[in-house]
PDB file of N, CA and C in Angstrom:
ATOM      1  N   MET A   1       5.685  32.025  -1.498  1.00  0.00           N
ATOM      2  CA  MET A   1       4.609  33.229  -1.414  1.00  0.00           C
ATOM      3  C   MET A   1       5.170  34.386  -1.666  1.00  0.00           C
ATOM      4  N   GLN A   2       5.566  34.985  -1.331  1.00  0.00           N
ATOM      5  CA  GLN A   2       6.342  36.338  -1.858  1.00  0.00           C
ATOM      6  C   GLN A   2       5.447  37.600  -2.208  1.00  0.00           C
ATOM      7  N   GLY A   3       4.198  37.114  -1.179  1.00  0.00           N
ATOM      8  CA  GLY A   3       3.419  38.596  -1.424  1.00  0.00           C
ATOM      9  C   GLY A   3       2.265  38.051  -2.454  1.00  0.00           C
ATOM     10  N   TYR A   4       2.458  37.202  -3.158  1.00  0.00           N
ATOM     11  CA  TYR A   4       1.114  36.919  -4.405  1.00  0.00           C
ATOM     12  C   TYR A   4       0.275  36.306  -3.878  1.00  0.00           C
ATOM     13  N   GLY A   5      -0.880  36.934  -4.478  1.00  0.00           N
ATOM     14  CA  GLY A   5      -2.495  35.897  -4.179  1.00  0.00           C
ATOM     15  C   GLY A   5      -2.195  34.934  -4.394  1.00  0.00           C
ATOM     16  N   PHE A   6      -3.599  33.694  -3.415  1.00  0.00           N
ATOM     17  CA  PHE A   6      -3.495  32.446  -3.477  1.00  0.00           C
ATOM     18  C   PHE A   6      -3.820  32.122  -5.004  1.00  0.00           C
ATOM     19  N   ASN A   7      -4.339  32.569  -5.559  1.00  0.00           N
ATOM     20  CA  ASN A   7      -4.819  32.156  -6.975  1.00  0.00           C
ATOM     21  C   ASN A   7      -3.764  32.318  -8.072  1.00  0.00           C
ATOM     22  N   THR A   8      -2.359  32.566  -7.986  1.00  0.00           N
ATOM     23  CA  THR A   8      -1.308  32.498  -8.569  1.00  0.00           C
ATOM     24  C   THR A   8      -0.622  31.256  -8.267  1.00  0.00           C
ATOM     25  N   PHE A   9      -0.779  30.622  -7.220  1.00  0.00           N
ATOM     26  CA  PHE A   9      -0.265  29.306  -6.947  1.00  0.00           C
ATOM     27  C   PHE A   9      -0.952  28.488  -6.328  1.00  0.00           C
ATOM     28  N   GLY A  10      -2.735  28.629  -5.593  1.00  0.00           N
ATOM     29  CA  GLY A  10      -3.094  27.812  -5.185  1.00  0.00           C
ATOM     30  C   GLY A  10      -3.434  26.712  -6.106  1.00  0.00           C
ATOM     31  N   GLU A  11      -3.436  26.560  -7.207  1.00  0.00           N
ATOM     32  CA  GLU A  11      -3.741  24.843  -7.876  1.00  0.00           C
ATOM     33  C   GLU A  11      -2.393  24.325  -7.824  1.00  0.00           C
ATOM     34  N   VAL A  12      -1.211  25.034  -7.360  1.00  0.00           N
ATOM     35  CA  VAL A  12      -0.001  24.204  -7.152  1.00  0.00           C
ATOM     36  C   VAL A  12      -0.377  23.219  -6.105  1.00  0.00           C
ATOM     37  N   VAL A  13      -0.704  23.848  -5.039  1.00  0.00           N
ATOM     38  CA  VAL A  13      -1.165  23.131  -3.789  1.00  0.00           C
ATOM     39  C   VAL A  13      -1.939  21.377  -3.870  1.00  0.00           C
ATOM     40  N   ALA A  14      -2.812  21.964  -4.992  1.00  0.00           N
ATOM     41  CA  ALA A  14      -3.745  20.554  -5.037  1.00  0.00           C
ATOM     42  C   ALA A  14      -2.901  19.729  -6.020  1.00  0.00           C
ATOM     43  N   CYS A  15      -1.945  20.284  -6.630  1.00  0.00           N
ATOM     44  CA  CYS A  15      -1.536  19.066  -7.640  1.00  0.00           C
ATOM     45  C   CYS A  15      -0.284  18.463  -6.731  1.00  0.00           C
ATOM     46  N   TRP A  16       0.298  19.335  -5.984  1.00  0.00           N
ATOM     47  CA  TRP A  16       1.360  18.767  -5.016  1.00  0.00           C
ATOM     48  C   TRP A  16       0.976  17.512  -3.793  1.00  0.00           C
ATOM     49  N   LEU A  17      -0.188  18.030  -3.760  1.00  0.00           N
ATOM     50  CA  LEU A  17      -0.483  16.891  -2.738  1.00  0.00           C
ATOM     51  C   LEU A  17      -1.155  15.542  -3.357  1.00  0.00           C
ATOM     52  N   GLN A  18      -1.778  15.918  -4.870  1.00  0.00           N
ATOM     53  CA  GLN A  18      -1.784  14.844  -5.140  1.00  0.00           C
ATOM     54  C   GLN A  18      -0.474  13.894  -5.917  1.00  0.00           C
ATOM     55  N   ASP A  19       0.239  14.513  -5.981  1.00  0.00           N
ATOM     56  CA  ASP A  19       1.621  13.912  -6.571  1.00  0.00           C
ATOM     57  C   ASP A  19       2.106  13.105  -5.590  1.00  0.00           C
ATOM     58  N   ILE A  20       1.999  13.603  -3.892  1.00  0.00           N
ATOM     59  CA  ILE A  20       2.593  13.026  -3.090  1.00  0.00           C
ATOM     60  C   ILE A  20       1.518  11.704  -2.485  1.00  0.00           C
ATOM     61  N   VAL A  21       0.231  11.815  -2.641  1.00  0.00           N
ATOM     62  CA  VAL A  21      -0.247  10.517  -2.426  1.00  0.00           C
ATOM     63  C   VAL A  21      -0.155   9.474  -3.836  1.00  0.00           C
ATOM     64  N   LEU A  22       0.019  10.042  -5.287  1.00  0.00           N
ATOM     65  CA  LEU A  22       0.507   8.847  -6.097  1.00  0.00           C
ATOM     66  C   LEU A  22       1.997   8.216  -5.720  1.00  0.00           C
ATOM     67  N   ILE A  23       2.536   9.282  -5.440  1.00  0.00           N
ATOM     68  CA  ILE A  23       4.020   8.559  -5.051  1.00  0.00           C
ATOM     69  C   ILE A  23       3.880   7.737  -3.723  1.00  0.00           C
ATOM     70  N   ALA A  24       3.333   7.924  -2.942  1.00  0.00           N
ATOM     71  CA  ALA A  24       2.867   7.249  -1.940  1.00  0.00           C
ATOM     72  C   ALA A  24       2.147   5.399  -2.076  1.00  0.00           C
ATOM     73  N   LEU A  25       1.221   5.966  -3.077  1.00  0.00           N
ATOM     74  CA  LEU A  25       0.541   4.592  -3.970  1.00  0.00           C
ATOM     75  C   LEU A  25       1.459   3.762  -4.688  1.00  0.00           C
ATOM     76  N   ILE A  26       2.626   4.364  -5.131  1.00  0.00           N
ATOM     77  CA  ILE A  26       3.254   3.663  -6.156  1.00  0.00           C
ATOM     78  C   ILE A  26       4.290   2.463  -5.168  1.00  0.00           C
ATOM     79  N   PHE A  27       4.836   3.675  -4.274  1.00  0.00           N
ATOM     80  CA  PHE A  27       5.275   2.889  -3.498  1.00  0.00           C
ATOM     81  C   PHE A  27       4.650   1.458  -2.494  1.00  0.00           C
ATOM     82  N   ARG A  28       3.958   1.853  -2.209  1.00  0.00           N
ATOM     83  CA  ARG A  28       2.971   1.117  -1.329  1.00  0.00           C
ATOM     84  C   ARG A  28       2.758  -0.491  -2.387  1.00  0.00           C
ATOM     85  N   PHE A  29       2.433  -0.109  -3.316  1.00  0.00           N
ATOM     86  CA  PHE A  29       2.213  -1.395  -4.599  1.00  0.00           C
ATOM     87  C   PHE A  29       3.241  -2.060  -5.562  1.00  0.00           C
ATOM     88  N   SER A  30       4.525  -1.418  -5.214  1.00  0.00           N
ATOM     89  CA  SER A  30       5.437  -2.013  -5.726  1.00  0.00           C
ATOM     90  C   SER A  30       6.420  -2.648  -4.771  1.00  0.00           C
ATOM     91  N   SER A  31       7.181  -3.347  -5.044  1.00  0.00           N
ATOM     92  CA  SER A  31       8.515  -4.485  -4.389  1.00  0.00           C
ATOM     93  C   SER A  31       9.383  -3.347  -3.830  1.00  0.00           C
ATOM     94  N   THR A  32       9.527  -1.886  -4.103  1.00  0.00           N
ATOM     95  CA  THR A  32      10.241  -1.101  -3.450  1.00  0.00           C
ATOM     96  C   THR A  32      10.422  -1.241  -1.676  1.00  0.00           C
ATOM     97  N   LYS A  33      12.081  -1.183  -1.603  1.00  0.00           N
ATOM     98  CA  LYS A  33      12.006  -1.722  -0.244  1.00  0.00           C
ATOM     99  C   LYS A  33      11.609  -0.445   0.640  1.00  0.00           C
ATOM    100  N   LYS A  34      11.310  -0.972   1.956  1.00  0.00           N
ATOM    101  CA  LYS A  34      10.680   0.643   2.354  1.00  0.00           C
ATOM    102  C   LYS A  34      12.015   1.439   3.296  1.00  0.00           C
ATOM    103  N   TRP A  35      13.122   1.149   3.078  1.00  0.00           N
ATOM    104  CA  TRP A  35      13.898   1.651   3.556  1.00  0.00           C
ATOM    105  C   TRP A  35      14.125   3.219   2.642  1.00  0.00           C
ATOM    106  N   VAL A  36      14.111   2.613   0.723  1.00  0.00           N
ATOM    107  CA  VAL A  36      14.033   3.586  -0.189  1.00  0.00           C
ATOM    108  C   VAL A  36      12.877   4.534  -0.149  1.00  0.00           C
ATOM    109  N   ALA A  37      11.651   4.123  -0.013  1.00  0.00           N
ATOM    110  CA  ALA A  37      10.783   4.949   0.113  1.00  0.00           C
ATOM    111  C   ALA A  37      10.577   6.160   1.406  1.00  0.00           C
ATOM    112  N   ALA A  38      11.140   5.552   2.208  1.00  0.00           N
ATOM    113  CA  ALA A  38      11.047   6.363   3.630  1.00  0.00           C
ATOM    114  C   ALA A  38      12.474   7.387   3.188  1.00  0.00           C
ATOM    115  N   ALA A  39      13.392   6.984   2.826  1.00  0.00           N
ATOM    116  CA  ALA A  39      14.495   7.621   2.314  1.00  0.00           C
ATOM    117  C   ALA A  39      14.105   8.677   1.174  1.00  0.00           C
ATOM    118  N   THR A  40      13.301   8.241   0.263  1.00  0.00           N
ATOM    119  CA  THR A  40      12.772   9.375  -0.948  1.00  0.00           C
ATOM    120  C   THR A  40      11.709  10.235  -0.361  1.00  0.00           C
ATOM    121  N   GLY A  41      10.666  10.088   0.758  1.00  0.00           N
ATOM    122  CA  GLY A  41       9.838  10.748   1.254  1.00  0.00           C
ATOM    123  C   GLY A  41      10.419  11.874   2.012  1.00  0.00           C
ATOM    124  N   ILE A  42      11.871  11.590   2.920  1.00  0.00           N
ATOM    125  CA  ILE A  42      12.608  12.297   3.490  1.00  0.00           C
ATOM    126  C   ILE A  42      12.974  13.508   2.595  1.00  0.00           C
ATOM    127  N   ALA A  43      13.837  12.988   1.306  1.00  0.00           N
ATOM    128  CA  ALA A  43      14.371  13.964   1.010  1.00  0.00           C
ATOM    129  C   ALA A  43      13.407  14.649   0.022  1.00  0.00           C
ATOM    130  N   VAL A  44      12.368  14.512  -0.867  1.00  0.00           N
ATOM    131  CA  VAL A  44      11.129  14.966  -0.869  1.00  0.00           C
ATOM    132  C   VAL A  44      10.831  15.869   0.193  1.00  0.00           C
ATOM    133  N   ALA A  45      10.452  15.562   1.412  1.00  0.00           N
ATOM    134  CA  ALA A  45      10.056  16.692   2.435  1.00  0.00           C
ATOM    135  C   ALA A  45      11.044  17.636   2.607  1.00  0.00           C
ATOM    136  N   LEU A  46      12.240  17.391   2.786  1.00  0.00           N
ATOM    137  CA  LEU A  46      13.430  18.184   2.666  1.00  0.00           C
ATOM    138  C   LEU A  46      13.313  19.319   1.604  1.00  0.00           C
ATOM    139  N   GLY A  47      13.158  18.645   0.287  1.00  0.00           N
ATOM    140  CA  GLY A  47      13.106  19.776  -0.795  1.00  0.00           C
ATOM    141  C   GLY A  47      12.118  20.646  -0.790  1.00  0.00           C
ATOM    142  N   CYS A  48      11.048  20.310  -0.435  1.00  0.00           N
ATOM    143  CA  CYS A  48       9.969  21.068  -0.717  1.00  0.00           C
ATOM    144  C   CYS A  48       9.900  22.061   0.717  1.00  0.00           C
ATOM    145  N   GLY A  49      10.333  21.674   1.558  1.00  0.00           N
ATOM    146  CA  GLY A  49      10.408  22.751   2.625  1.00  0.00           C
ATOM    147  C   GLY A  49      11.545  23.494   2.216  1.00  0.00           C
ATOM    148  N   TRP A  50      12.429  23.324   1.927  1.00  0.00           N
ATOM    149  CA  TRP A  50      13.652  24.795   1.437  1.00  0.00           C
ATOM    150  C   TRP A  50      13.023  25.551  -0.080  1.00  0.00           C
ATOM    151  N   LEU A  51      12.467  24.845  -0.830  1.00  0.00           N
ATOM    152  CA  LEU A  51      11.573  25.524  -1.907  1.00  0.00           C
ATOM    153  C   LEU A  51      10.614  26.561  -1.536  1.00  0.00           C
ATOM    154  N   LEU A  52       9.762  25.927  -0.428  1.00  0.00           N
ATOM    155  CA  LEU A  52       8.813  26.836   0.371  1.00  0.00           C
ATOM    156  C   LEU A  52       9.429  27.926   1.675  1.00  0.00           C
ATOM    157  N   SER A  53      10.824  27.669   1.768  1.00  0.00           N
ATOM    158  CA  SER A  53      11.182  28.683   2.614  1.00  0.00           C
ATOM    159  C   SER A  53      11.452  30.021   1.980  1.00  0.00           C
ATOM    160  N   PRO A  54      11.898  31.013   3.135  1.00  0.00           N
ATOM    161  CA  PRO A  54      12.703  32.129   2.118  1.00  0.00           C
ATOM    162  C   PRO A  54      14.224  32.178   1.791  1.00  0.00           C
ATOM    163  N   PHE A  55      14.501  30.984   2.214  1.00  0.00           N
ATOM    164  CA  PHE A  55      16.452  30.705   1.815  1.00  0.00           C
ATOM    165  C   PHE A  55      16.243  30.135   0.425  1.00  0.00           C
ATOM    166  N   CYS A  56      14.950  30.049  -0.278  1.00  0.00           N
ATOM    167  CA  CYS A  56      14.925  29.355  -1.706  1.00  0.00           C
ATOM    168  C   CYS A  56      15.455  30.932  -2.365  1.00  0.00           C
ATOM    169  N   PRO A  57      16.166  30.999  -3.497  1.00  0.00           N
ATOM    170  CA  PRO A  57      16.630  32.465  -4.229  1.00  0.00           C
ATOM    171  C   PRO A  57      15.451  32.446  -5.251  1.00  0.00           C
ATOM    172  N   LEU A  58      14.751  33.479  -5.700  1.00  0.00           N
ATOM    173  CA  LEU A  58      13.796  34.057  -6.859  1.00  0.00           C
ATOM    174  C   LEU A  58      14.258  33.194  -7.764  1.00  0.00           C
ATOM    175  N   HIS A  59      15.385  33.188  -8.424  1.00  0.00           N
ATOM    176  CA  HIS A  59      16.058  32.501  -9.770  1.00  0.00           C
ATOM    177  C   HIS A  59      15.762  31.451  -9.400  1.00  0.00           C
ATOM    178  N   ILE A  60      16.075  30.579  -8.304  1.00  0.00           N
ATOM    179  CA  ILE A  60      15.823  29.065  -8.641  1.00  0.00           C
ATOM    180  C   ILE A  60      14.398  28.717  -8.718  1.00  0.00           C
ATOM    181  N   LEU A  61      13.693  29.363  -8.212  1.00  0.00           N
ATOM    182  CA  LEU A  61      12.224  29.625  -8.439  1.00  0.00           C
ATOM    183  C   LEU A  61      11.460  29.443  -9.878  1.00  0.00           C
ATOM    184  N   ALA A  62      12.201  30.671 -10.555  1.00  0.00           N
ATOM    185  CA  ALA A  62      11.775  30.690 -11.629  1.00  0.00           C
ATOM    186  C   ALA A  62      12.443  30.294 -12.818  1.00  0.00           C
ATOM    187  N   VAL A  63      13.454  29.453 -12.513  1.00  0.00           N
ATOM    188  CA  VAL A  63      14.185  28.600 -13.655  1.00  0.00           C
ATOM    189  C   VAL A  63      13.273  26.989 -13.328  1.00  0.00           C
ATOM    190  N   LEU A  64      12.946  26.662 -12.332  1.00  0.00           N
ATOM    191  CA  LEU A  64      12.059  25.823 -11.843  1.00  0.00           C
ATOM    192  C   LEU A  64      10.301  25.822 -12.520  1.00  0.00           C
ATOM    193  N   GLN A  65       9.934  27.171 -12.132  1.00  0.00           N
ATOM    194  CA  GLN A  65       9.087  27.255 -12.505  1.00  0.00           C
ATOM    195  C   GLN A  65       8.748  27.041 -14.440  1.00  0.00           C
ATOM    196  N   ALA A  66       9.967  27.675 -14.876  1.00  0.00           N
ATOM    197  CA  ALA A  66      10.117  27.805 -16.314  1.00  0.00           C
ATOM    198  C   ALA A  66      10.440  26.291 -17.117  1.00  0.00           C
ATOM    199  N   SER A  67      11.020  25.459 -16.226  1.00  0.00           N
ATOM    200  CA  SER A  67      11.131  24.184 -16.757  1.00  0.00           C
ATOM    201  C   SER A  67       9.918  23.017 -16.376  1.00  0.00           C
ATOM    202  N   ASN A  68       9.299  23.551 -15.746  1.00  0.00           N
ATOM    203  CA  ASN A  68       7.866  22.836 -15.661  1.00  0.00           C
ATOM    204  C   ASN A  68       7.226  22.734 -17.005  1.00  0.00           C
ATOM    205  N   ILE A  69       7.255  24.031 -17.748  1.00  0.00           N
ATOM    206  CA  ILE A  69       6.156  24.073 -18.820  1.00  0.00           C
ATOM    207  C   ILE A  69       6.999  23.133 -19.559  1.00  0.00           C
ATOM    208  N   ILE A  70       8.072  22.999 -20.005  1.00  0.00           N
ATOM    209  CA  ILE A  70       9.144  21.732 -20.732  1.00  0.00           C
ATOM    210  C   ILE A  70       8.366  20.491 -20.257  1.00  0.00           C
ATOM    211  N   THR A  71       8.814  20.206 -19.153  1.00  0.00           N
ATOM    212  CA  THR A  71       8.206  18.991 -18.523  1.00  0.00           C
ATOM    213  C   THR A  71       6.847  18.627 -18.751  1.00  0.00           C
ATOM    214  N   MET A  72       5.973  19.495 -18.752  1.00  0.00           N
ATOM    215  CA  MET A  72       4.881  19.062 -18.763  1.00  0.00           C
ATOM    216  C   MET A  72       4.086  19.324 -20.318  1.00  0.00           C
ATOM    217  N   ALA A  73       5.081  19.825 -21.082  1.00  0.00           N
ATOM    218  CA  ALA A  73       4.595  20.023 -22.421  1.00  0.00           C
ATOM    219  C   ALA A  73       5.203  18.772 -23.181  1.00  0.00           C
ATOM    220  N   LEU A  74       6.583  18.854 -23.025  1.00  0.00           N
ATOM    221  CA  LEU A  74       7.005  17.298 -23.792  1.00  0.00           C
ATOM    222  C   LEU A  74       7.352  16.194 -22.941  1.00  0.00           C
ATOM    223  N   GLY A  75       7.481  16.238 -21.795  1.00  0.00           N
ATOM    224  CA  GLY A  75       7.595  15.163 -20.894  1.00  0.00           C
ATOM    225  C   GLY A  75       6.345  13.967 -20.604  1.00  0.00           C
ATOM    226  N   SER A  76       5.104  14.652 -20.804  1.00  0.00           N
ATOM    227  CA  SER A  76       4.226  13.796 -20.858  1.00  0.00           C
ATOM    228  C   SER A  76       3.932  13.226 -21.791  1.00  0.00           C
ATOM    229  N   ARG A  77       4.157  13.837 -22.957  1.00  0.00           N
ATOM    230  CA  ARG A  77       3.823  13.370 -24.221  1.00  0.00           C
ATOM    231  C   ARG A  77       5.145  12.678 -25.003  1.00  0.00           C
ATOM    232  N   LEU A  78       6.192  12.417 -24.876  1.00  0.00           N
ATOM    233  CA  LEU A  78       7.361  11.767 -25.015  1.00  0.00           C
ATOM    234  C   LEU A  78       7.046   9.933 -24.748  1.00  0.00           C
ATOM    235  N   PRO A  79       6.815   9.901 -23.609  1.00  0.00           N
ATOM    236  CA  PRO A  79       6.739   8.418 -23.654  1.00  0.00           C
ATOM    237  C   PRO A  79       5.596   8.009 -24.709  1.00  0.00           C
ATOM    238  N   GLN A  80       4.453   8.381 -24.910  1.00  0.00           N
ATOM    239  CA  GLN A  80       3.217   8.228 -25.488  1.00  0.00           C
ATOM    240  C   GLN A  80       3.772   8.016 -27.179  1.00  0.00           C
ATOM    241  N   ILE A  81       4.451   9.470 -27.337  1.00  0.00           N
ATOM    242  CA  ILE A  81       4.817   9.167 -28.949  1.00  0.00           C
ATOM    243  C   ILE A  81       6.027   8.207 -29.405  1.00  0.00           C
ATOM    244  N   VAL A  82       6.826   7.816 -28.428  1.00  0.00           N
ATOM    245  CA  VAL A  82       7.560   6.645 -28.397  1.00  0.00           C
ATOM    246  C   VAL A  82       6.972   5.411 -28.479  1.00  0.00           C
ATOM    247  N   LEU A  83       6.157   5.324 -27.894  1.00  0.00           N
ATOM    248  CA  LEU A  83       5.282   4.096 -27.842  1.00  0.00           C
ATOM    249  C   LEU A  83       4.699   3.866 -29.312  1.00  0.00           C
ATOM    250  N   ASN A  84       3.950   5.300 -29.559  1.00  0.00           N
ATOM    251  CA  ASN A  84       2.647   4.955 -30.958  1.00  0.00           C
ATOM    252  C   ASN A  84       4.266   4.861 -32.132  1.00  0.00           C
ATOM    253  N   MET A  85       5.278   5.388 -32.006  1.00  0.00           N
ATOM    254  CA  MET A  85       6.088   5.063 -33.039  1.00  0.00           C
ATOM    255  C   MET A  85       6.554   3.536 -33.152  1.00  0.00           C
ATOM    256  N   ARG A  86       6.505   2.921 -31.878  1.00  0.00           N
ATOM    257  CA  ARG A  86       7.002   1.342 -31.917  1.00  0.00           C
ATOM    258  C   ARG A  86       5.816   0.639 -32.384  1.00  0.00           C
ATOM    259  N   ARG A  87       4.626   1.277 -32.123  1.00  0.00           N
ATOM    260  CA  ARG A  87       3.530   0.441 -32.738  1.00  0.00           C
ATOM    261  C   ARG A  87       3.314   0.612 -34.024  1.00  0.00           C
ATOM    262  N   GLY A  88       3.667   1.658 -34.352  1.00  0.00           N
ATOM    263  CA  GLY A  88       3.242   1.951 -35.808  1.00  0.00           C
ATOM    264  C   GLY A  88       1.786   2.577 -35.752  1.00  0.00           C
ATOM    265  N   ASN A  89       1.411   3.069 -34.782  1.00  0.00           N
ATOM    266  CA  ASN A  89       0.016   3.910 -35.029  1.00  0.00           C
ATOM    267  C   ASN A  89      -0.163   4.859 -34.085  1.00  0.00           C
ATOM    268  N   ALA A  90      -1.105   5.730 -34.290  1.00  0.00           N
ATOM    269  CA  ALA A  90      -1.345   6.938 -33.138  1.00  0.00           C
ATOM    270  C   ALA A  90      -2.004   6.489 -31.746  1.00  0.00           C
ATOM    271  N   GLY A  91      -2.568   5.119 -32.060  1.00  0.00           N
ATOM    272  CA  GLY A  91      -2.978   5.009 -30.738  1.00  0.00           C
ATOM    273  C   GLY A  91      -4.357   6.089 -29.882  1.00  0.00           C
ATOM    274  N   VAL A  92      -3.978   6.502 -28.912  1.00  0.00           N
ATOM    275  CA  VAL A  92      -4.988   7.512 -28.675  1.00  0.00           C
ATOM    276  C   VAL A  92      -4.785   8.872 -28.558  1.00  0.00           C
ATOM    277  N   LEU A  93      -3.506   9.086 -28.946  1.00  0.00           N
ATOM    278  CA  LEU A  93      -2.842  10.432 -28.820  1.00  0.00           C
ATOM    279  C   LEU A  93      -3.334  10.976 -30.076  1.00  0.00           C
ATOM    280  N   SER A  94      -3.880  12.191 -30.219  1.00  0.00           N
ATOM    281  CA  SER A  94      -4.420  12.570 -31.761  1.00  0.00           C
ATOM    282  C   SER A  94      -3.817  14.290 -31.470  1.00  0.00           C
ATOM    283  N   VAL A  95      -4.127  14.823 -32.866  1.00  0.00           N
ATOM    284  CA  VAL A  95      -3.466  15.812 -33.079  1.00  0.00           C
ATOM    285  C   VAL A  95      -4.024  17.257 -32.409  1.00  0.00           C
ATOM    286  N   MET A  96      -5.470  16.724 -32.102  1.00  0.00           N
ATOM    287  CA  MET A  96      -6.140  18.127 -31.849  1.00  0.00           C
ATOM    288  C   MET A  96      -6.054  18.205 -30.109  1.00  0.00           C
ATOM    289  N   THR A  97      -5.690  16.913 -29.341  1.00  0.00           N
ATOM    290  CA  THR A  97      -5.513  16.861 -28.163  1.00  0.00           C
ATOM    291  C   THR A  97      -3.936  17.450 -27.671  1.00  0.00           C
ATOM    292  N   CYS A  98      -3.291  16.932 -28.852  1.00  0.00           N
ATOM    293  CA  CYS A  98      -1.813  17.795 -28.598  1.00  0.00           C
ATOM    294  C   CYS A  98      -2.334  19.273 -28.662  1.00  0.00           C
ATOM    295  N   LEU A  99      -2.759  19.647 -29.702  1.00  0.00           N
ATOM    296  CA  LEU A  99      -2.873  21.168 -29.951  1.00  0.00           C
ATOM    297  C   LEU A  99      -3.580  21.943 -28.532  1.00  0.00           C
ATOM    298  N   LEU A 100      -4.543  21.358 -28.289  1.00  0.00           N
ATOM    299  CA  LEU A 100      -5.223  21.449 -27.298  1.00  0.00           C
ATOM    300  C   LEU A 100      -4.358  21.840 -26.075  1.00  0.00           C
ATOM    301  N   ASN A 101      -3.896  20.710 -25.547  1.00  0.00           N
ATOM    302  CA  ASN A 101      -2.766  21.225 -24.712  1.00  0.00           C
ATOM    303  C   ASN A 101      -1.686  21.912 -24.656  1.00  0.00           C
ATOM    304  N   VAL A 102      -1.020  22.371 -25.921  1.00  0.00           N
ATOM    305  CA  VAL A 102      -0.367  23.595 -25.903  1.00  0.00           C
ATOM    306  C   VAL A 102      -1.176  24.844 -25.688  1.00  0.00           C
ATOM    307  N   ALA A 103      -2.309  24.981 -26.144  1.00  0.00           N
ATOM    308  CA  ALA A 103      -3.403  25.859 -26.121  1.00  0.00           C
ATOM    309  C   ALA A 103      -3.667  26.420 -24.136  1.00  0.00           C
ATOM    310  N   GLY A 104      -3.659  25.255 -23.556  1.00  0.00           N
ATOM    311  CA  GLY A 104      -3.915  25.325 -22.180  1.00  0.00           C
ATOM    312  C   GLY A 104      -2.728  25.857 -21.908  1.00  0.00           C
ATOM    313  N   ASN A 105      -1.567  25.040 -22.002  1.00  0.00           N
ATOM    314  CA  ASN A 105      -0.196  25.611 -21.231  1.00  0.00           C
ATOM    315  C   ASN A 105       0.008  27.099 -21.550  1.00  0.00           C
ATOM    316  N   THR A 106      -0.292  27.608 -22.788  1.00  0.00           N
ATOM    317  CA  THR A 106      -0.084  28.567 -23.242  1.00  0.00           C
ATOM    318  C   THR A 106      -0.736  29.605 -22.504  1.00  0.00           C
ATOM    319  N   ALA A 107      -1.986  29.516 -22.347  1.00  0.00           N
ATOM    320  CA  ALA A 107      -2.851  30.207 -21.674  1.00  0.00           C
ATOM    321  C   ALA A 107      -2.667  30.540 -19.651  1.00  0.00           C
ATOM    322  N   ARG A 108      -2.115  29.437 -19.678  1.00  0.00           N
ATOM    323  CA  ARG A 108      -1.630  29.225 -18.329  1.00  0.00           C
ATOM    324  C   ARG A 108      -0.458  30.097 -18.031  1.00  0.00           C
ATOM    325  N   ILE A 109       0.306  30.142 -19.255  1.00  0.00           N
ATOM    326  CA  ILE A 109       1.465  30.823 -18.734  1.00  0.00           C
ATOM    327  C   ILE A 109       1.117  32.527 -18.831  1.00  0.00           C
ATOM    328  N   PHE A 110       0.348  32.559 -19.824  1.00  0.00           N
ATOM    329  CA  PHE A 110      -0.214  34.230 -19.933  1.00  0.00           C
ATOM    330  C   PHE A 110      -0.950  34.455 -18.808  1.00  0.00           C
ATOM    331  N   THR A 111      -1.568  33.498 -18.062  1.00  0.00           N
ATOM    332  CA  THR A 111      -2.055  34.534 -16.485  1.00  0.00           C
ATOM    333  C   THR A 111      -1.225  34.468 -15.954  1.00  0.00           C
ATOM    334  N   THR A 112      -0.161  33.604 -15.559  1.00  0.00           N
ATOM    335  CA  THR A 112       0.974  33.503 -14.848  1.00  0.00           C
ATOM    336  C   THR A 112       1.584  34.651 -14.740  1.00  0.00           C
ATOM    337  N   VAL A 113       1.855  35.128 -16.061  1.00  0.00           N
ATOM    338  CA  VAL A 113       3.096  36.064 -16.190  1.00  0.00           C
ATOM    339  C   VAL A 113       1.857  37.600 -16.089  1.00  0.00           C
ATOM    340  N   VAL A 114       1.011  37.540 -16.231  1.00  0.00           N
ATOM    341  CA  VAL A 114      -0.126  38.793 -16.215  1.00  0.00           C
ATOM    342  C   VAL A 114      -0.361  38.775 -14.440  1.00  0.00           C
ATOM    343  N   LEU A 115      -0.432  37.837 -13.729  1.00  0.00           N
ATOM    344  CA  LEU A 115      -0.854  38.046 -12.310  1.00  0.00           C
ATOM    345  C   LEU A 115       0.528  38.290 -11.605  1.00  0.00           C
ATOM    346  N   THR A 116       1.586  37.429 -12.144  1.00  0.00           N
ATOM    347  CA  THR A 116       2.527  38.191 -11.096  1.00  0.00           C
ATOM    348  C   THR A 116       3.421  39.414 -11.750  1.00  0.00           C
TER     349      THR A 116
END
């Protein structure tokens, strides 16, 4: 929170809740043992609690925020690129979609920098 307005981090709350639901559904419909799902849930809850607490240094939050850009831009596309290379075609991944994704991430970075 650090005194920033809700508009600087508000969408992260919605994304975080969505991720929690997705992880719960993955564990629910996979053959993961219940103790593994419970241990993962506890570890995620403790980690999120620490990140939201005043005990987490700001430089760690800055590094995580910067790494999020790389993760979202590359991490979400690399599996699709590898699959397309194995198949020998572009599948549903188009250059225009990737360029629009980069433009959206750039706009997001710009607004975050301006607002913070």
